[in-house]
């Protein structure tokens, strides 16, 4: 993965009581439980998914 930027996404909020599409977006990002993290490639599609659930996740730039 030389030259590809990555980001680390950590779930900080619960999807309980949220719309089903927000829950599905978290699952699509690979998150299903609180405080779990995933390192993902920084693409426009991933950024769009993060924007939809920004209130439920923490995003960090990875090296």
PDB file of N, CA and C in Angstrom:
ATOM      1  N   UNK A   1       0.822  -1.190   0.000  1.00  0.00           N
ATOM      2  CA  UNK A   1       0.000   0.000   0.000  1.00  0.00           C
ATOM      3  C   UNK A   1       0.869   1.257   0.000  1.00  0.00           C
ATOM      4  N   UNK A   2       1.977   1.211  -0.665  1.00  0.00           N
ATOM      5  CA  UNK A   2       2.878   2.358  -0.713  1.00  0.00           C
ATOM      6  C   UNK A   2       2.188   3.525  -1.408  1.00  0.00           C
ATOM      7  N   UNK A   3       2.214   4.678  -0.756  1.00  0.00           N
ATOM      8  CA  UNK A   3       1.655   5.875  -1.353  1.00  0.00           C
ATOM      9  C   UNK A   3       0.170   6.080  -1.133  1.00  0.00           C
ATOM     10  N   UNK A   4      -0.535   5.105  -0.610  1.00  0.00           N
ATOM     11  CA  UNK A   4      -1.973   5.257  -0.373  1.00  0.00           C
ATOM     12  C   UNK A   4      -2.202   5.761   1.043  1.00  0.00           C
ATOM     13  N   UNK A   5      -3.041   6.787   1.157  1.00  0.00           N
ATOM     14  CA  UNK A   5      -3.351   7.336   2.470  1.00  0.00           C
ATOM     15  C   UNK A   5      -4.389   6.462   3.161  1.00  0.00           C
ATOM     16  N   UNK A   6      -4.270   6.365   4.467  1.00  0.00           N
ATOM     17  CA  UNK A   6      -5.237   5.603   5.249  1.00  0.00           C
ATOM     18  C   UNK A   6      -5.748   6.461   6.398  1.00  0.00           C
ATOM     19  N   UNK A   7      -6.912   6.105   6.892  1.00  0.00           N
ATOM     20  CA  UNK A   7      -7.495   6.757   8.052  1.00  0.00           C
ATOM     21  C   UNK A   7      -7.959   5.675   9.021  1.00  0.00           C
ATOM     22  N   UNK A   8      -7.938   6.009  10.294  1.00  0.00           N
ATOM     23  CA  UNK A   8      -8.421   5.104  11.327  1.00  0.00           C
ATOM     24  C   UNK A   8      -9.748   5.648  11.839  1.00  0.00           C
ATOM     25  N   UNK A   9     -10.764   4.797  11.796  1.00  0.00           N
ATOM     26  CA  UNK A   9     -12.108   5.180  12.219  1.00  0.00           C
ATOM     27  C   UNK A   9     -12.463   4.361  13.456  1.00  0.00           C
ATOM     28  N   UNK A  10     -12.860   5.042  14.531  1.00  0.00           N
ATOM     29  CA  UNK A  10     -13.233   4.385  15.779  1.00  0.00           C
ATOM     30  C   UNK A  10     -14.670   4.739  16.119  1.00  0.00           C
ATOM     31  N   UNK A  11     -15.478   3.736  16.426  1.00  0.00           N
ATOM     32  CA  UNK A  11     -16.873   3.981  16.796  1.00  0.00           C
ATOM     33  C   UNK A  11     -16.931   4.494  18.223  1.00  0.00           C
ATOM     34  N   UNK A  12     -17.537   5.665  18.419  1.00  0.00           N
ATOM     35  CA  UNK A  12     -17.648   6.265  19.748  1.00  0.00           C
ATOM     36  C   UNK A  12     -19.093   6.405  20.213  1.00  0.00           C
ATOM     37  N   UNK A  13     -20.042   6.231  19.296  1.00  0.00           N
ATOM     38  CA  UNK A  13     -21.449   6.377  19.653  1.00  0.00           C
ATOM     39  C   UNK A  13     -22.233   5.127  19.319  1.00  0.00           C
ATOM     40  N   UNK A  14     -23.344   4.969  20.000  1.00  0.00           N
ATOM     41  CA  UNK A  14     -24.183   3.803  19.789  1.00  0.00           C
ATOM     42  C   UNK A  14     -25.216   4.064  18.695  1.00  0.00           C
ATOM     43  N   UNK A  15     -25.486   3.070  17.846  1.00  0.00           N
ATOM     44  CA  UNK A  15     -26.509   3.240  16.825  1.00  0.00           C
ATOM     45  C   UNK A  15     -27.926   2.992  17.343  1.00  0.00           C
ATOM     46  N   UNK A  16     -28.068   2.705  18.626  1.00  0.00           N
ATOM     47  CA  UNK A  16     -29.393   2.461  19.182  1.00  0.00           C
ATOM     48  C   UNK A  16     -30.226   3.731  19.065  1.00  0.00           C
ATOM     49  N   UNK A  17     -31.419   3.596  18.503  1.00  0.00           N
ATOM     50  CA  UNK A  17     -32.314   4.723  18.340  1.00  0.00           C
ATOM     51  C   UNK A  17     -32.014   5.573  17.120  1.00  0.00           C
ATOM     52  N   UNK A  18     -31.056   5.166  16.310  1.00  0.00           N
ATOM     53  CA  UNK A  18     -30.707   5.895  15.082  1.00  0.00           C
ATOM     54  C   UNK A  18     -31.404   5.242  13.900  1.00  0.00           C
ATOM     55  N   UNK A  19     -31.504   5.956  12.787  1.00  0.00           N
ATOM     56  CA  UNK A  19     -32.107   5.360  11.591  1.00  0.00           C
ATOM     57  C   UNK A  19     -31.326   4.141  11.109  1.00  0.00           C
ATOM     58  N   UNK A  20     -32.035   3.224  10.467  1.00  0.00           N
ATOM     59  CA  UNK A  20     -31.414   1.982  10.002  1.00  0.00           C
ATOM     60  C   UNK A  20     -30.283   2.230   9.020  1.00  0.00           C
ATOM     61  N   UNK A  21     -30.377   3.294   8.219  1.00  0.00           N
ATOM     62  CA  UNK A  21     -29.318   3.548   7.253  1.00  0.00           C
ATOM     63  C   UNK A  21     -28.005   3.947   7.930  1.00  0.00           C
ATOM     64  N   UNK A  22     -28.092   4.592   9.099  1.00  0.00           N
ATOM     65  CA  UNK A  22     -26.866   4.926   9.828  1.00  0.00           C
ATOM     66  C   UNK A  22     -26.228   3.661  10.397  1.00  0.00           C
ATOM     67  N   UNK A  23     -27.027   2.757  10.888  1.00  0.00           N
ATOM     68  CA  UNK A  23     -26.524   1.472  11.383  1.00  0.00           C
ATOM     69  C   UNK A  23     -25.852   0.704  10.237  1.00  0.00           C
ATOM     70  N   UNK A  24     -26.497   0.693   9.078  1.00  0.00           N
ATOM     71  CA  UNK A  24     -25.941  -0.001   7.919  1.00  0.00           C
ATOM     72  C   UNK A  24     -24.629   0.636   7.468  1.00  0.00           C
ATOM     73  N   UNK A  25     -24.514   1.942   7.591  1.00  0.00           N
ATOM     74  CA  UNK A  25     -23.273   2.622   7.229  1.00  0.00           C
ATOM     75  C   UNK A  25     -22.147   2.221   8.161  1.00  0.00           C
ATOM     76  N   UNK A  26     -22.429   2.107   9.451  1.00  0.00           N
ATOM     77  CA  UNK A  26     -21.404   1.652  10.398  1.00  0.00           C
ATOM     78  C   UNK A  26     -20.942   0.243  10.054  1.00  0.00           C
ATOM     79  N   UNK A  27     -21.869  -0.631   9.726  1.00  0.00           N
ATOM     80  CA  UNK A  27     -21.526  -2.002   9.350  1.00  0.00           C
ATOM     81  C   UNK A  27     -20.693  -1.990   8.072  1.00  0.00           C
ATOM     82  N   UNK A  28     -21.054  -1.121   7.138  1.00  0.00           N
ATOM     83  CA  UNK A  28     -20.295  -0.995   5.899  1.00  0.00           C
ATOM     84  C   UNK A  28     -18.866  -0.535   6.131  1.00  0.00           C
ATOM     85  N   UNK A  29     -18.665   0.259   7.176  1.00  0.00           N
ATOM     86  CA  UNK A  29     -17.322   0.701   7.536  1.00  0.00           C
ATOM     87  C   UNK A  29     -16.564  -0.367   8.321  1.00  0.00           C
ATOM     88  N   UNK A  30     -17.250  -1.448   8.680  1.00  0.00           N
ATOM     89  CA  UNK A  30     -16.618  -2.521   9.429  1.00  0.00           C
ATOM     90  C   UNK A  30     -16.698  -2.341  10.930  1.00  0.00           C
ATOM     91  N   UNK A  31     -17.596  -1.482  11.375  1.00  0.00           N
ATOM     92  CA  UNK A  31     -17.762  -1.216  12.809  1.00  0.00           C
ATOM     93  C   UNK A  31     -19.089  -1.801  13.265  1.00  0.00           C
ATOM     94  N   UNK A  32     -19.074  -2.507  14.398  1.00  0.00           N
ATOM     95  CA  UNK A  32     -20.320  -3.058  14.899  1.00  0.00           C
ATOM     96  C   UNK A  32     -20.433  -3.002  16.415  1.00  0.00           C
ATOM     97  N   UNK A  33     -19.385  -2.574  17.096  1.00  0.00           N
ATOM     98  CA  UNK A  33     -19.438  -2.445  18.550  1.00  0.00           C
ATOM     99  C   UNK A  33     -18.676  -1.195  18.964  1.00  0.00           C
ATOM    100  N   UNK A  34     -19.035  -0.670  20.101  1.00  0.00           N
ATOM    101  CA  UNK A  34     -18.404   0.534  20.609  1.00  0.00           C
ATOM    102  C   UNK A  34     -16.898   0.343  20.789  1.00  0.00           C
ATOM    103  N   UNK A  35     -16.159   1.391  20.496  1.00  0.00           N
ATOM    104  CA  UNK A  35     -14.707   1.473  20.691  1.00  0.00           C
ATOM    105  C   UNK A  35     -13.903   0.533  19.802  1.00  0.00           C
ATOM    106  N   UNK A  36     -14.522  -0.005  18.772  1.00  0.00           N
ATOM    107  CA  UNK A  36     -13.785  -0.795  17.783  1.00  0.00           C
ATOM    108  C   UNK A  36     -13.221   0.147  16.732  1.00  0.00           C
ATOM    109  N   UNK A  37     -12.063  -0.202  16.190  1.00  0.00           N
ATOM    110  CA  UNK A  37     -11.407   0.635  15.195  1.00  0.00           C
ATOM    111  C   UNK A  37     -11.142  -0.147  13.921  1.00  0.00           C
ATOM    112  N   UNK A  38     -11.113   0.568  12.808  1.00  0.00           N
ATOM    113  CA  UNK A  38     -10.745  -0.003  11.519  1.00  0.00           C
ATOM    114  C   UNK A  38      -9.847   0.998  10.809  1.00  0.00           C
ATOM    115  N   UNK A  39      -8.838   0.491  10.133  1.00  0.00           N
ATOM    116  CA  UNK A  39      -8.001   1.325   9.294  1.00  0.00           C
ATOM    117  C   UNK A  39      -8.451   1.120   7.861  1.00  0.00           C
ATOM    118  N   UNK A  40      -8.861   2.214   7.227  1.00  0.00           N
ATOM    119  CA  UNK A  40      -9.449   2.150   5.894  1.00  0.00           C
ATOM    120  C   UNK A  40      -8.683   3.046   4.935  1.00  0.00           C
ATOM    121  N   UNK A  41      -8.756   2.720   3.651  1.00  0.00           N
ATOM    122  CA  UNK A  41      -8.159   3.553   2.628  1.00  0.00           C
ATOM    123  C   UNK A  41      -8.955   4.847   2.517  1.00  0.00           C
ATOM    124  N   UNK A  42      -8.258   5.962   2.369  1.00  0.00           N
ATOM    125  CA  UNK A  42      -8.894   7.275   2.311  1.00  0.00           C
ATOM    126  C   UNK A  42      -9.390   7.543   0.891  1.00  0.00           C
ATOM    127  N   UNK A  43     -10.646   7.174   0.637  1.00  0.00           N
ATOM    128  CA  UNK A  43     -11.259   7.382  -0.680  1.00  0.00           C
ATOM    129  C   UNK A  43     -12.497   8.264  -0.519  1.00  0.00           C
ATOM    130  N   UNK A  44     -12.965   8.861  -1.599  1.00  0.00           N
ATOM    131  CA  UNK A  44     -14.189   9.670  -1.505  1.00  0.00           C
ATOM    132  C   UNK A  44     -15.397   8.868  -1.001  1.00  0.00           C
ATOM    133  N   UNK A  45     -15.486   7.593  -1.364  1.00  0.00           N
ATOM    134  CA  UNK A  45     -16.608   6.767  -0.907  1.00  0.00           C
ATOM    135  C   UNK A  45     -16.572   6.578   0.608  1.00  0.00           C
ATOM    136  N   UNK A  46     -15.395   6.296   1.134  1.00  0.00           N
ATOM    137  CA  UNK A  46     -15.253   6.108   2.585  1.00  0.00           C
ATOM    138  C   UNK A  46     -15.507   7.431   3.299  1.00  0.00           C
ATOM    139  N   UNK A  47     -15.012   8.528   2.745  1.00  0.00           N
ATOM    140  CA  UNK A  47     -15.243   9.842   3.359  1.00  0.00           C
ATOM    141  C   UNK A  47     -16.734  10.178   3.385  1.00  0.00           C
ATOM    142  N   UNK A  48     -17.468   9.801   2.344  1.00  0.00           N
ATOM    143  CA  UNK A  48     -18.908  10.033   2.316  1.00  0.00           C
ATOM    144  C   UNK A  48     -19.635   9.231   3.382  1.00  0.00           C
ATOM    145  N   UNK A  49     -19.207   7.989   3.580  1.00  0.00           N
ATOM    146  CA  UNK A  49     -19.815   7.152   4.623  1.00  0.00           C
ATOM    147  C   UNK A  49     -19.525   7.739   5.997  1.00  0.00           C
ATOM    148  N   UNK A  50     -18.300   8.207   6.196  1.00  0.00           N
ATOM    149  CA  UNK A  50     -17.925   8.804   7.483  1.00  0.00           C
ATOM    150  C   UNK A  50     -18.742  10.068   7.737  1.00  0.00           C
ATOM    151  N   UNK A  51     -18.955  10.868   6.712  1.00  0.00           N
ATOM    152  CA  UNK A  51     -19.725  12.101   6.867  1.00  0.00           C
ATOM    153  C   UNK A  51     -21.148  11.809   7.334  1.00  0.00           C
ATOM    154  N   UNK A  52     -21.688  10.686   6.904  1.00  0.00           N
ATOM    155  CA  UNK A  52     -23.062  10.322   7.272  1.00  0.00           C
ATOM    156  C   UNK A  52     -23.184   9.964   8.759  1.00  0.00           C
ATOM    157  N   UNK A  53     -22.122   9.398   9.333  1.00  0.00           N
ATOM    158  CA  UNK A  53     -22.170   8.966  10.738  1.00  0.00           C
ATOM    159  C   UNK A  53     -21.084   9.651  11.575  1.00  0.00           C
ATOM    160  N   UNK A  54     -20.721  10.873  11.190  1.00  0.00           N
ATOM    161  CA  UNK A  54     -19.633  11.585  11.872  1.00  0.00           C
ATOM    162  C   UNK A  54     -19.907  11.766  13.363  1.00  0.00           C
ATOM    163  N   UNK A  55     -21.167  11.856  13.741  1.00  0.00           N
ATOM    164  CA  UNK A  55     -21.536  12.021  15.144  1.00  0.00           C
ATOM    165  C   UNK A  55     -21.366  10.725  15.942  1.00  0.00           C
ATOM    166  N   UNK A  56     -21.091   9.607  15.269  1.00  0.00           N
ATOM    167  CA  UNK A  56     -20.934   8.315  15.944  1.00  0.00           C
ATOM    168  C   UNK A  56     -19.503   7.772  15.879  1.00  0.00           C
ATOM    169  N   UNK A  57     -18.606   8.473  15.185  1.00  0.00           N
ATOM    170  CA  UNK A  57     -17.243   7.967  15.008  1.00  0.00           C
ATOM    171  C   UNK A  57     -16.205   9.054  15.272  1.00  0.00           C
ATOM    172  N   UNK A  58     -14.971   8.597  15.502  1.00  0.00           N
ATOM    173  CA  UNK A  58     -13.806   9.486  15.613  1.00  0.00           C
ATOM    174  C   UNK A  58     -12.866   9.092  14.480  1.00  0.00           C
ATOM    175  N   UNK A  59     -12.335  10.081  13.762  1.00  0.00           N
ATOM    176  CA  UNK A  59     -11.479   9.833  12.611  1.00  0.00           C
ATOM    177  C   UNK A  59     -10.099  10.384  12.894  1.00  0.00           C
ATOM    178  N   UNK A  60      -9.074   9.566  12.604  1.00  0.00           N
ATOM    179  CA  UNK A  60      -7.682   9.975  12.766  1.00  0.00           C
ATOM    180  C   UNK A  60      -6.927   9.678  11.496  1.00  0.00           C
ATOM    181  N   UNK A  61      -6.083  10.595  11.096  1.00  0.00           N
ATOM    182  CA  UNK A  61      -5.229  10.381   9.920  1.00  0.00           C
ATOM    183  C   UNK A  61      -4.134   9.389  10.297  1.00  0.00           C
ATOM    184  N   UNK A  62      -3.956   8.353   9.495  1.00  0.00           N
ATOM    185  CA  UNK A  62      -2.903   7.369   9.743  1.00  0.00           C
ATOM    186  C   UNK A  62      -1.715   7.697   8.842  1.00  0.00           C
ATOM    187  N   UNK A  63      -0.564   7.163   9.186  1.00  0.00           N
ATOM    188  CA  UNK A  63       0.645   7.434   8.384  1.00  0.00           C
ATOM    189  C   UNK A  63       0.663   6.650   7.118  1.00  0.00           C
TER     190      UNK A  63
END
